[in-house]
Full PDB file with SEQRES, HELIX, SHEET, SSBOND, CRYST1, ORIGX, SCALE, CONECT and MASTER records, all heavy atoms in Angstrom:
SEQRES   1 A   30  PHE HIS PHE LYS ASN LYS ALA ALA VAL PHE ASP LEU LEU          
SEQRES   2 A   30  VAL LYS ASP VAL TYR ASP ALA LEU LEU HIS ASN HIS ARG          
SEQRES   3 A   30  THR MET TYR GLU                                              
HELIX    1 AA1 LYS A    6  TYR A   29  1                                  24    
CRYST1    1.000    1.000    1.000  90.00  90.00  90.00 P 1           1          
ORIGX1      1.000000  0.000000  0.000000        0.00000                         
ORIGX2      0.000000  1.000000  0.000000        0.00000                         
ORIGX3      0.000000  0.000000  1.000000        0.00000                         
SCALE1      1.000000  0.000000  0.000000        0.00000                         
SCALE2      0.000000  1.000000  0.000000        0.00000                         
SCALE3      0.000000  0.000000  1.000000        0.00000                         
ATOM      1  N   PHE A   1     117.499 123.075  32.419  1.00  0.00           N  
ATOM      2  CA  PHE A   1     118.642 124.025  32.308  1.00  0.00           C  
ATOM      3  C   PHE A   1     118.235 125.451  32.956  1.00  0.00           C  
ATOM      4  O   PHE A   1     119.093 126.157  33.553  1.00  0.00           O  
ATOM      5  CB  PHE A   1     119.057 124.270  30.792  1.00  0.00           C  
ATOM      6  CG  PHE A   1     120.063 125.438  30.467  1.00  0.00           C  
ATOM      7  CD1 PHE A   1     121.444 125.247  30.870  1.00  0.00           C  
ATOM      8  CD2 PHE A   1     119.538 126.601  30.061  1.00  0.00           C  
ATOM      9  CE1 PHE A   1     122.201 126.390  30.588  1.00  0.00           C  
ATOM     10  CE2 PHE A   1     120.381 127.707  29.916  1.00  0.00           C  
ATOM     11  CZ  PHE A   1     121.729 127.456  30.090  1.00  0.00           C  
ATOM     12  N   HIS A   2     117.008 125.770  32.656  1.00  0.00           N  
ATOM     13  CA  HIS A   2     116.495 127.094  33.120  1.00  0.00           C  
ATOM     14  C   HIS A   2     116.013 127.072  34.624  1.00  0.00           C  
ATOM     15  O   HIS A   2     116.093 128.073  35.301  1.00  0.00           O  
ATOM     16  CB  HIS A   2     115.333 127.522  32.308  1.00  0.00           C  
ATOM     17  CG  HIS A   2     115.743 128.001  30.930  1.00  0.00           C  
ATOM     18  ND1 HIS A   2     116.532 129.099  30.664  1.00  0.00           N  
ATOM     19  CD2 HIS A   2     115.528 127.449  29.618  1.00  0.00           C  
ATOM     20  CE1 HIS A   2     116.822 129.254  29.378  1.00  0.00           C  
ATOM     21  NE2 HIS A   2     116.224 128.256  28.714  1.00  0.00           N  
ATOM     22  N   PHE A   3     115.455 125.822  34.965  1.00  0.00           N  
ATOM     23  CA  PHE A   3     114.856 125.863  36.330  1.00  0.00           C  
ATOM     24  C   PHE A   3     115.306 124.502  36.994  1.00  0.00           C  
ATOM     25  O   PHE A   3     115.254 123.355  36.342  1.00  0.00           O  
ATOM     26  CB  PHE A   3     113.282 125.894  36.245  1.00  0.00           C  
ATOM     27  CG  PHE A   3     112.793 127.167  35.785  1.00  0.00           C  
ATOM     28  CD1 PHE A   3     112.475 127.276  34.315  1.00  0.00           C  
ATOM     29  CD2 PHE A   3     112.704 128.278  36.527  1.00  0.00           C  
ATOM     30  CE1 PHE A   3     111.928 128.504  33.920  1.00  0.00           C  
ATOM     31  CE2 PHE A   3     112.246 129.488  36.046  1.00  0.00           C  
ATOM     32  CZ  PHE A   3     111.876 129.554  34.758  1.00  0.00           C  
ATOM     33  N   LYS A   4     115.747 124.541  38.185  1.00  0.00           N  
ATOM     34  CA  LYS A   4     116.169 123.352  38.858  1.00  0.00           C  
ATOM     35  C   LYS A   4     115.083 122.313  38.948  1.00  0.00           C  
ATOM     36  O   LYS A   4     115.301 121.177  38.942  1.00  0.00           O  
ATOM     37  CB  LYS A   4     116.651 123.713  40.350  1.00  0.00           C  
ATOM     38  CG  LYS A   4     117.267 122.567  41.110  1.00  0.00           C  
ATOM     39  CD  LYS A   4     117.638 123.114  42.445  1.00  0.00           C  
ATOM     40  CE  LYS A   4     118.187 121.974  43.222  1.00  0.00           C  
ATOM     41  NZ  LYS A   4     118.592 122.346  44.630  1.00  0.00           N  
ATOM     42  N   ASN A   5     113.870 122.766  39.273  1.00  0.00           N  
ATOM     43  CA  ASN A   5     112.771 121.858  39.481  1.00  0.00           C  
ATOM     44  C   ASN A   5     111.497 122.717  39.290  1.00  0.00           C  
ATOM     45  O   ASN A   5     111.533 123.913  39.157  1.00  0.00           O  
ATOM     46  CB  ASN A   5     112.769 121.150  40.770  1.00  0.00           C  
ATOM     47  CG  ASN A   5     113.046 122.123  41.909  1.00  0.00           C  
ATOM     48  OD1 ASN A   5     112.460 123.211  42.029  1.00  0.00           O  
ATOM     49  ND2 ASN A   5     113.918 121.604  42.748  1.00  0.00           N  
ATOM     50  N   LYS A   6     110.278 122.052  39.384  1.00  0.00           N  
ATOM     51  CA  LYS A   6     109.067 122.755  39.202  1.00  0.00           C  
ATOM     52  C   LYS A   6     108.811 123.735  40.410  1.00  0.00           C  
ATOM     53  O   LYS A   6     108.132 124.788  40.217  1.00  0.00           O  
ATOM     54  CB  LYS A   6     107.847 121.793  38.952  1.00  0.00           C  
ATOM     55  CG  LYS A   6     107.486 121.017  40.327  1.00  0.00           C  
ATOM     56  CD  LYS A   6     106.364 120.109  40.021  1.00  0.00           C  
ATOM     57  CE  LYS A   6     106.031 119.272  41.297  1.00  0.00           C  
ATOM     58  NZ  LYS A   6     104.749 118.475  41.038  1.00  0.00           N  
ATOM     59  N   ALA A   7     109.475 123.404  41.606  1.00  0.00           N  
ATOM     60  CA  ALA A   7     109.336 124.458  42.680  1.00  0.00           C  
ATOM     61  C   ALA A   7     109.994 125.755  42.372  1.00  0.00           C  
ATOM     62  O   ALA A   7     109.527 126.817  42.751  1.00  0.00           O  
ATOM     63  CB  ALA A   7     109.843 123.811  43.893  1.00  0.00           C  
ATOM     64  N   ALA A   8     111.100 125.606  41.662  1.00  0.00           N  
ATOM     65  CA  ALA A   8     111.717 126.946  41.161  1.00  0.00           C  
ATOM     66  C   ALA A   8     110.875 127.871  40.193  1.00  0.00           C  
ATOM     67  O   ALA A   8     110.892 128.963  40.264  1.00  0.00           O  
ATOM     68  CB  ALA A   8     113.061 126.640  40.614  1.00  0.00           C  
ATOM     69  N   VAL A   9     110.162 127.131  39.362  1.00  0.00           N  
ATOM     70  CA  VAL A   9     109.287 127.715  38.426  1.00  0.00           C  
ATOM     71  C   VAL A   9     108.126 128.416  39.191  1.00  0.00           C  
ATOM     72  O   VAL A   9     107.879 129.671  38.964  1.00  0.00           O  
ATOM     73  CB  VAL A   9     108.638 126.805  37.401  1.00  0.00           C  
ATOM     74  CG1 VAL A   9     107.920 127.512  36.322  1.00  0.00           C  
ATOM     75  CG2 VAL A   9     109.780 125.866  36.724  1.00  0.00           C  
ATOM     76  N   PHE A  10     107.552 127.589  40.080  1.00  0.00           N  
ATOM     77  CA  PHE A  10     106.457 128.230  40.870  1.00  0.00           C  
ATOM     78  C   PHE A  10     106.900 129.361  41.720  1.00  0.00           C  
ATOM     79  O   PHE A  10     106.124 130.398  41.844  1.00  0.00           O  
ATOM     80  CB  PHE A  10     105.868 127.078  41.738  1.00  0.00           C  
ATOM     81  CG  PHE A  10     104.470 127.391  42.218  1.00  0.00           C  
ATOM     82  CD1 PHE A  10     103.421 127.079  41.520  1.00  0.00           C  
ATOM     83  CD2 PHE A  10     104.253 127.980  43.495  1.00  0.00           C  
ATOM     84  CE1 PHE A  10     102.043 127.270  41.939  1.00  0.00           C  
ATOM     85  CE2 PHE A  10     102.966 128.136  43.943  1.00  0.00           C  
ATOM     86  CZ  PHE A  10     101.814 127.803  43.152  1.00  0.00           C  
ATOM     87  N   ASP A  11     108.066 129.292  42.225  1.00  0.00           N  
ATOM     88  CA  ASP A  11     108.643 130.277  43.139  1.00  0.00           C  
ATOM     89  C   ASP A  11     108.738 131.647  42.322  1.00  0.00           C  
ATOM     90  O   ASP A  11     108.233 132.818  42.699  1.00  0.00           O  
ATOM     91  CB  ASP A  11     110.003 129.928  43.576  1.00  0.00           C  
ATOM     92  CG  ASP A  11     110.643 130.939  44.503  1.00  0.00           C  
ATOM     93  OD1 ASP A  11     110.303 130.958  45.672  1.00  0.00           O  
ATOM     94  OD2 ASP A  11     111.448 131.653  44.042  1.00  0.00           O  
ATOM     95  N   LEU A  12     109.148 131.555  41.035  1.00  0.00           N  
ATOM     96  CA  LEU A  12     109.361 132.774  40.248  1.00  0.00           C  
ATOM     97  C   LEU A  12     107.980 133.370  39.942  1.00  0.00           C  
ATOM     98  O   LEU A  12     107.849 134.550  39.717  1.00  0.00           O  
ATOM     99  CB  LEU A  12     110.082 132.429  38.981  1.00  0.00           C  
ATOM    100  CG  LEU A  12     110.628 133.614  38.151  1.00  0.00           C  
ATOM    101  CD1 LEU A  12     111.592 134.521  38.949  1.00  0.00           C  
ATOM    102  CD2 LEU A  12     111.412 133.105  36.852  1.00  0.00           C  
ATOM    103  N   LEU A  13     106.951 132.522  39.774  1.00  0.00           N  
ATOM    104  CA  LEU A  13     105.719 133.015  39.345  1.00  0.00           C  
ATOM    105  C   LEU A  13     104.944 133.668  40.601  1.00  0.00           C  
ATOM    106  O   LEU A  13     104.104 134.512  40.378  1.00  0.00           O  
ATOM    107  CB  LEU A  13     104.792 131.876  38.898  1.00  0.00           C  
ATOM    108  CG  LEU A  13     105.249 131.251  37.519  1.00  0.00           C  
ATOM    109  CD1 LEU A  13     104.477 129.955  37.231  1.00  0.00           C  
ATOM    110  CD2 LEU A  13     104.951 132.322  36.406  1.00  0.00           C  
ATOM    111  N   VAL A  14     105.269 133.283  41.803  1.00  0.00           N  
ATOM    112  CA  VAL A  14     104.317 133.740  42.906  1.00  0.00           C  
ATOM    113  C   VAL A  14     105.083 134.389  44.072  1.00  0.00           C  
ATOM    114  O   VAL A  14     104.426 135.123  44.904  1.00  0.00           O  
ATOM    115  CB  VAL A  14     103.501 132.550  43.542  1.00  0.00           C  
ATOM    116  CG1 VAL A  14     102.645 131.867  42.470  1.00  0.00           C  
ATOM    117  CG2 VAL A  14     104.424 131.532  44.273  1.00  0.00           C  
ATOM    118  N   LYS A  15     106.347 134.372  44.179  1.00  0.00           N  
ATOM    119  CA  LYS A  15     107.096 134.786  45.411  1.00  0.00           C  
ATOM    120  C   LYS A  15     106.888 136.252  45.741  1.00  0.00           C  
ATOM    121  O   LYS A  15     106.497 136.639  46.916  1.00  0.00           O  
ATOM    122  CB  LYS A  15     108.495 134.509  45.305  1.00  0.00           C  
ATOM    123  CG  LYS A  15     109.235 134.912  46.658  1.00  0.00           C  
ATOM    124  CD  LYS A  15     110.775 134.685  46.476  1.00  0.00           C  
ATOM    125  CE  LYS A  15     111.472 134.904  47.877  1.00  0.00           C  
ATOM    126  NZ  LYS A  15     111.216 136.253  48.467  1.00  0.00           N  
ATOM    127  N   ASP A  16     106.985 137.135  44.741  1.00  0.00           N  
ATOM    128  CA  ASP A  16     106.778 138.499  44.986  1.00  0.00           C  
ATOM    129  C   ASP A  16     105.384 138.846  45.434  1.00  0.00           C  
ATOM    130  O   ASP A  16     105.207 139.770  46.302  1.00  0.00           O  
ATOM    131  CB  ASP A  16     107.134 139.352  43.790  1.00  0.00           C  
ATOM    132  CG  ASP A  16     108.729 139.334  43.504  1.00  0.00           C  
ATOM    133  OD1 ASP A  16     109.524 138.940  44.378  1.00  0.00           O  
ATOM    134  OD2 ASP A  16     109.043 139.706  42.336  1.00  0.00           O  
ATOM    135  N   VAL A  17     104.386 138.282  44.917  1.00  0.00           N  
ATOM    136  CA  VAL A  17     103.037 138.507  45.181  1.00  0.00           C  
ATOM    137  C   VAL A  17     102.748 137.984  46.504  1.00  0.00           C  
ATOM    138  O   VAL A  17     101.998 138.613  47.347  1.00  0.00           O  
ATOM    139  CB  VAL A  17     102.128 137.994  44.055  1.00  0.00           C  
ATOM    140  CG1 VAL A  17     100.637 138.002  44.533  1.00  0.00           C  
ATOM    141  CG2 VAL A  17     102.244 138.719  42.785  1.00  0.00           C  
ATOM    142  N   TYR A  18     103.120 136.816  46.889  1.00  0.00           N  
ATOM    143  CA  TYR A  18     103.086 136.177  48.159  1.00  0.00           C  
ATOM    144  C   TYR A  18     103.604 137.184  49.232  1.00  0.00           C  
ATOM    145  O   TYR A  18     102.905 137.433  50.219  1.00  0.00           O  
ATOM    146  CB  TYR A  18     103.720 134.759  48.218  1.00  0.00           C  
ATOM    147  CG  TYR A  18     104.010 134.153  49.523  1.00  0.00           C  
ATOM    148  CD1 TYR A  18     102.946 133.187  49.986  1.00  0.00           C  
ATOM    149  CD2 TYR A  18     105.120 134.345  50.344  1.00  0.00           C  
ATOM    150  CE1 TYR A  18     103.283 132.583  51.184  1.00  0.00           C  
ATOM    151  CE2 TYR A  18     105.284 133.698  51.503  1.00  0.00           C  
ATOM    152  CZ  TYR A  18     104.339 132.843  51.939  1.00  0.00           C  
ATOM    153  OH  TYR A  18     104.483 132.161  53.154  1.00  0.00           O  
ATOM    154  N   ASP A  19     104.841 137.636  49.059  1.00  0.00           N  
ATOM    155  CA  ASP A  19     105.496 138.434  49.989  1.00  0.00           C  
ATOM    156  C   ASP A  19     104.648 139.730  50.175  1.00  0.00           C  
ATOM    157  O   ASP A  19     104.347 140.291  51.283  1.00  0.00           O  
ATOM    158  CB  ASP A  19     106.841 138.843  49.637  1.00  0.00           C  
ATOM    159  CG  ASP A  19     107.832 137.606  49.748  1.00  0.00           C  
ATOM    160  OD1 ASP A  19     107.460 136.640  50.496  1.00  0.00           O  
ATOM    161  OD2 ASP A  19     108.804 137.616  49.268  1.00  0.00           O  
ATOM    162  N   ALA A  20     104.233 140.344  49.077  1.00  0.00           N  
ATOM    163  CA  ALA A  20     103.481 141.558  49.083  1.00  0.00           C  
ATOM    164  C   ALA A  20     102.052 141.473  49.809  1.00  0.00           C  
ATOM    165  O   ALA A  20     101.617 142.339  50.545  1.00  0.00           O  
ATOM    166  CB  ALA A  20     103.166 142.080  47.661  1.00  0.00           C  
ATOM    167  N   LEU A  21     101.404 140.311  49.546  1.00  0.00           N  
ATOM    168  CA  LEU A  21     100.109 140.022  50.145  1.00  0.00           C  
ATOM    169  C   LEU A  21     100.258 140.022  51.712  1.00  0.00           C  
ATOM    170  O   LEU A  21      99.401 140.786  52.409  1.00  0.00           O  
ATOM    171  CB  LEU A  21      99.534 138.735  49.653  1.00  0.00           C  
ATOM    172  CG  LEU A  21      98.605 138.742  48.521  1.00  0.00           C  
ATOM    173  CD1 LEU A  21      98.242 137.176  48.161  1.00  0.00           C  
ATOM    174  CD2 LEU A  21      97.269 139.438  48.811  1.00  0.00           C  
ATOM    175  N   LEU A  22     101.249 139.363  52.178  1.00  0.00           N  
ATOM    176  CA  LEU A  22     101.576 139.327  53.702  1.00  0.00           C  
ATOM    177  C   LEU A  22     101.891 140.652  54.202  1.00  0.00           C  
ATOM    178  O   LEU A  22     101.484 141.025  55.170  1.00  0.00           O  
ATOM    179  CB  LEU A  22     102.486 138.211  53.953  1.00  0.00           C  
ATOM    180  CG  LEU A  22     102.077 136.765  53.533  1.00  0.00           C  
ATOM    181  CD1 LEU A  22     103.238 135.800  53.952  1.00  0.00           C  
ATOM    182  CD2 LEU A  22     100.871 136.431  54.358  1.00  0.00           C  
ATOM    183  N   HIS A  23     102.731 141.331  53.498  1.00  0.00           N  
ATOM    184  CA  HIS A  23     103.280 142.650  53.935  1.00  0.00           C  
ATOM    185  C   HIS A  23     102.111 143.641  53.974  1.00  0.00           C  
ATOM    186  O   HIS A  23     101.969 144.398  55.039  1.00  0.00           O  
ATOM    187  CB  HIS A  23     104.382 143.128  53.082  1.00  0.00           C  
ATOM    188  CG  HIS A  23     104.736 144.610  53.299  1.00  0.00           C  
ATOM    189  ND1 HIS A  23     105.550 144.948  54.424  1.00  0.00           N  
ATOM    190  CD2 HIS A  23     104.496 145.696  52.655  1.00  0.00           C  
ATOM    191  CE1 HIS A  23     105.737 146.138  54.292  1.00  0.00           C  
ATOM    192  NE2 HIS A  23     105.131 146.735  53.379  1.00  0.00           N  
ATOM    193  N   ASN A  24     101.348 143.775  52.873  1.00  0.00           N  
ATOM    194  CA  ASN A  24     100.177 144.678  52.875  1.00  0.00           C  
ATOM    195  C   ASN A  24      99.130 144.438  53.884  1.00  0.00           C  
ATOM    196  O   ASN A  24      98.672 145.345  54.592  1.00  0.00           O  
ATOM    197  CB  ASN A  24      99.483 144.615  51.547  1.00  0.00           C  
ATOM    198  CG  ASN A  24     100.462 145.090  50.413  1.00  0.00           C  
ATOM    199  OD1 ASN A  24     101.498 145.681  50.526  1.00  0.00           O  
ATOM    200  ND2 ASN A  24     100.046 144.844  49.103  1.00  0.00           N  
ATOM    201  N   HIS A  25      98.884 143.100  54.235  1.00  0.00           N  
ATOM    202  CA  HIS A  25      97.858 142.718  55.181  1.00  0.00           C  
ATOM    203  C   HIS A  25      98.395 143.175  56.674  1.00  0.00           C  
ATOM    204  O   HIS A  25      97.604 143.873  57.371  1.00  0.00           O  
ATOM    205  CB  HIS A  25      97.675 141.212  55.140  1.00  0.00           C  
ATOM    206  CG  HIS A  25      96.554 140.712  55.942  1.00  0.00           C  
ATOM    207  ND1 HIS A  25      95.216 141.112  55.447  1.00  0.00           N  
ATOM    208  CD2 HIS A  25      96.238 140.031  57.049  1.00  0.00           C  
ATOM    209  CE1 HIS A  25      94.330 140.613  56.358  1.00  0.00           C  
ATOM    210  NE2 HIS A  25      94.961 139.880  57.310  1.00  0.00           N  
ATOM    211  N   ARG A  26      99.610 142.973  56.894  1.00  0.00           N  
ATOM    212  CA  ARG A  26     100.202 143.229  58.245  1.00  0.00           C  
ATOM    213  C   ARG A  26     100.337 144.847  58.383  1.00  0.00           C  
ATOM    214  O   ARG A  26      99.989 145.352  59.407  1.00  0.00           O  
ATOM    215  CB  ARG A  26     101.582 142.722  58.347  1.00  0.00           C  
ATOM    216  CG  ARG A  26     102.174 142.740  59.715  1.00  0.00           C  
ATOM    217  CD  ARG A  26     103.483 141.937  59.736  1.00  0.00           C  
ATOM    218  NE  ARG A  26     103.179 140.560  59.558  1.00  0.00           N  
ATOM    219  CZ  ARG A  26     103.806 139.863  58.549  1.00  0.00           C  
ATOM    220  NH1 ARG A  26     104.563 140.453  57.680  1.00  0.00           N  
ATOM    221  NH2 ARG A  26     103.420 138.495  58.399  1.00  0.00           N  
ATOM    222  N   THR A  27     100.717 145.493  57.321  1.00  0.00           N  
ATOM    223  CA  THR A  27     100.778 146.960  57.299  1.00  0.00           C  
ATOM    224  C   THR A  27      99.422 147.646  57.594  1.00  0.00           C  
ATOM    225  O   THR A  27      99.317 148.631  58.293  1.00  0.00           O  
ATOM    226  CB  THR A  27     101.472 147.485  56.011  1.00  0.00           C  
ATOM    227  OG1 THR A  27     102.740 146.893  55.950  1.00  0.00           O  
ATOM    228  CG2 THR A  27     101.553 148.954  56.041  1.00  0.00           C  
ATOM    229  N   MET A  28      98.387 147.001  56.949  1.00  0.00           N  
ATOM    230  CA  MET A  28      97.080 147.512  57.139  1.00  0.00           C  
ATOM    231  C   MET A  28      96.674 147.643  58.596  1.00  0.00           C  
ATOM    232  O   MET A  28      96.179 148.677  59.098  1.00  0.00           O  
ATOM    233  CB  MET A  28      96.093 146.639  56.324  1.00  0.00           C  
ATOM    234  CG  MET A  28      94.573 147.087  56.490  1.00  0.00           C  
ATOM    235  SD  MET A  28      93.434 145.976  55.660  1.00  0.00           S  
ATOM    236  CE  MET A  28      93.713 144.454  56.732  1.00  0.00           C  
ATOM    237  N   TYR A  29      96.970 146.529  59.317  1.00  0.00           N  
ATOM    238  CA  TYR A  29      96.669 146.462  60.751  1.00  0.00           C  
ATOM    239  C   TYR A  29      97.470 147.511  61.574  1.00  0.00           C  
ATOM    240  O   TYR A  29      97.090 148.150  62.480  1.00  0.00           O  
ATOM    241  CB  TYR A  29      96.743 145.066  61.313  1.00  0.00           C  
ATOM    242  CG  TYR A  29      95.747 144.131  60.862  1.00  0.00           C  
ATOM    243  CD1 TYR A  29      96.048 142.998  60.245  1.00  0.00           C  
ATOM    244  CD2 TYR A  29      94.386 144.577  61.065  1.00  0.00           C  
ATOM    245  CE1 TYR A  29      95.000 142.034  59.761  1.00  0.00           C  
ATOM    246  CE2 TYR A  29      93.385 143.652  60.637  1.00  0.00           C  
ATOM    247  CZ  TYR A  29      93.649 142.413  59.981  1.00  0.00           C  
ATOM    248  OH  TYR A  29      92.725 141.549  59.569  1.00  0.00           O  
ATOM    249  N   GLU A  30      98.767 147.533  61.242  1.00  0.00           N  
ATOM    250  CA  GLU A  30      99.698 148.391  61.959  1.00  0.00           C  
ATOM    251  C   GLU A  30      99.286 149.910  61.765  1.00  0.00           C  
ATOM    252  O   GLU A  30      99.272 150.688  62.716  1.00  0.00           O  
ATOM    253  CB  GLU A  30     101.172 148.362  61.421  1.00  0.00           C  
ATOM    254  CG  GLU A  30     101.730 146.902  61.838  1.00  0.00           C  
ATOM    255  CD  GLU A  30     103.102 146.744  61.065  1.00  0.00           C  
ATOM    256  OE1 GLU A  30     103.465 147.588  60.181  1.00  0.00           O  
ATOM    257  OE2 GLU A  30     103.742 145.665  61.398  1.00  0.00           O  
TER     258      GLU A  30                                                      
MASTER        0    0    0    1    0    0    0    6  257    1    0    3          
END                                                                             
């Protein structure tokens, strides 16, 4: 009811940090 599947749970746990890691790394070089 709360989550379509386990991928949706994992997504909520890591997505923001995943995006921030990549953004921060790229911004550091820029």
